């Protein structure tokens, strides 16, 4: 049980680390250090990695008993808080890329861009 909890927390930390890299590469793309294509492809790679490690975390934290009921290794409130944090970060990054696309490739939000 302790090993399973350890690996679940490790997967969650890797998931957050991947989201951190997504944010870092998004920032580098916004500043012009990376091209938009390279930044987006790197973002997608780490974002998919974050998703996978998040699913590993969820699978490791949930056990099924012999009667078919689910049992969670940590209480509901911290589990929901951890899931909500990673979800909010993921959605914020996707919204950022939508904003980046709309300001740089369409005239829809051209008044917001500095170029």
Protein backbone atom coordinates (compact mmCIF):
# COMPACT_ATOMS: atom_id res chain seq x y z
CA UNK A 1 0.00 0.00 0.00
CA UNK A 2 2.83 2.41 0.81
CA UNK A 3 4.58 1.67 -2.48
CA UNK A 4 1.38 2.33 -4.38
CA UNK A 5 0.87 5.65 -2.61
CA UNK A 6 4.50 6.60 -3.22
CA UNK A 7 4.24 5.87 -6.95
CA UNK A 8 0.92 7.71 -7.17
CA UNK A 9 2.43 10.82 -5.60
CA UNK A 10 5.47 10.44 -7.88
CA UNK A 11 3.20 10.30 -10.93
CA UNK A 12 1.34 13.40 -9.73
CA UNK A 13 4.63 15.26 -9.23
CA UNK A 14 5.79 14.28 -12.72
CA UNK A 15 2.43 15.44 -14.08
CA UNK A 16 2.87 18.84 -12.43
CA UNK A 17 6.46 18.96 -13.65
CA UNK A 18 5.29 18.38 -17.21
CA UNK A 19 2.78 21.21 -16.81
CA UNK A 20 5.60 23.39 -15.51
CA UNK A 21 7.63 22.63 -18.64
CA UNK A 22 4.54 23.44 -20.72
CA UNK A 23 4.33 26.83 -19.05
CA UNK A 24 8.06 27.43 -19.49
CA UNK A 25 8.03 26.62 -23.20
CA UNK A 26 4.86 28.67 -23.65
CA UNK A 27 6.64 31.62 -22.04
CA UNK A 28 9.69 31.15 -24.28
CA UNK A 29 7.42 31.09 -27.33
CA UNK A 30 5.60 34.23 -26.20
CA UNK A 31 8.93 36.07 -25.80
CA UNK A 32 10.14 34.93 -29.22
CA UNK A 33 12.95 32.65 -28.03
CA UNK A 34 11.28 29.69 -29.77
CA UNK A 35 9.35 29.70 -32.99
CA UNK A 36 5.65 29.19 -32.54
CA UNK A 37 5.73 25.80 -34.22
CA UNK A 38 8.59 24.51 -32.08
CA UNK A 39 7.00 25.91 -28.92
CA UNK A 40 3.60 24.43 -29.73
CA UNK A 41 4.99 20.99 -30.58
CA UNK A 42 7.04 20.95 -27.37
CA UNK A 43 3.99 22.12 -25.43
CA UNK A 44 1.86 19.31 -26.87
CA UNK A 45 4.52 16.71 -26.07
CA UNK A 46 4.73 17.71 -22.40
CA UNK A 47 0.97 18.27 -22.13
CA UNK A 48 0.30 14.72 -23.31
CA UNK A 49 2.92 13.48 -20.82
CA UNK A 50 1.12 15.37 -18.07
CA UNK A 51 -2.18 13.80 -19.07
CA UNK A 52 -0.71 10.29 -19.03
CA UNK A 53 0.93 10.70 -15.64
CA UNK A 54 -2.31 12.17 -14.31
CA UNK A 55 -4.17 9.03 -15.40
CA UNK A 56 -1.46 6.86 -13.83
CA UNK A 57 -1.95 8.82 -10.59
CA UNK A 58 -5.71 8.29 -10.70
CA UNK A 59 -5.34 4.57 -11.36
CA UNK A 60 -2.81 4.10 -8.57
CA UNK A 61 -4.95 5.97 -6.03
CA UNK A 62 -8.09 3.94 -6.70
CA UNK A 63 -8.42 0.33 -5.53
CA UNK A 64 -11.28 -2.06 -6.14
CA UNK A 65 -12.26 -4.40 -3.39
CA UNK A 66 -13.49 -7.93 -4.02
CA UNK A 67 -17.12 -6.84 -3.79
CA UNK A 68 -16.55 -4.25 -6.57
CA UNK A 69 -16.52 -1.09 -4.46
CA UNK A 70 -13.89 1.55 -5.05
CA UNK A 71 -11.53 2.53 -2.28
CA UNK A 72 -9.28 5.58 -2.46
CA UNK A 73 -5.91 5.76 -0.74
CA UNK A 74 -6.28 9.41 0.23
CA UNK A 75 -9.39 11.29 1.42
CA UNK A 76 -11.75 12.97 -1.02
CA UNK A 77 -10.90 16.61 -0.31
CA UNK A 78 -7.11 16.41 -0.96
CA UNK A 79 -7.71 14.15 -3.95
CA UNK A 80 -10.15 16.65 -5.48
CA UNK A 81 -7.87 19.57 -4.68
CA UNK A 82 -4.93 17.89 -6.42
CA UNK A 83 -7.04 17.05 -9.46
CA UNK A 84 -8.46 20.58 -9.61
CA UNK A 85 -5.00 22.18 -9.46
CA UNK A 86 -3.72 20.20 -12.42
CA UNK A 87 -6.95 20.77 -14.36
CA UNK A 88 -6.87 24.54 -13.83
CA UNK A 89 -3.23 24.73 -14.93
CA UNK A 90 -3.95 22.62 -18.03
CA UNK A 91 -6.94 24.72 -19.04
CA UNK A 92 -5.03 27.97 -18.42
CA UNK A 93 -2.23 26.79 -20.70
CA UNK A 94 -4.65 25.80 -23.46
CA UNK A 95 -6.40 29.16 -23.17
CA UNK A 96 -3.00 30.88 -23.40
CA UNK A 97 -2.23 29.05 -26.64
CA UNK A 98 -5.65 30.03 -27.98
CA UNK A 99 -4.91 33.64 -27.06
CA UNK A 100 -1.47 33.41 -28.70
CA UNK A 101 -3.00 32.05 -31.88
CA UNK A 102 -5.79 34.62 -32.00
CA UNK A 103 -3.50 37.58 -31.46
CA UNK A 104 -0.77 36.53 -33.87
CA UNK A 105 -2.58 34.78 -36.70
CA UNK A 106 -5.97 36.45 -36.97
CA UNK A 107 -7.15 40.02 -37.00
CA UNK A 108 -9.88 39.17 -34.50
CA UNK A 109 -7.87 40.28 -31.44
CA UNK A 110 -5.24 42.38 -33.20
CA UNK A 111 -5.89 45.32 -30.86
CA UNK A 112 -4.52 43.23 -27.96
CA UNK A 113 -1.19 42.32 -29.53
CA UNK A 114 1.86 44.51 -29.35
CA UNK A 115 3.05 43.73 -32.88
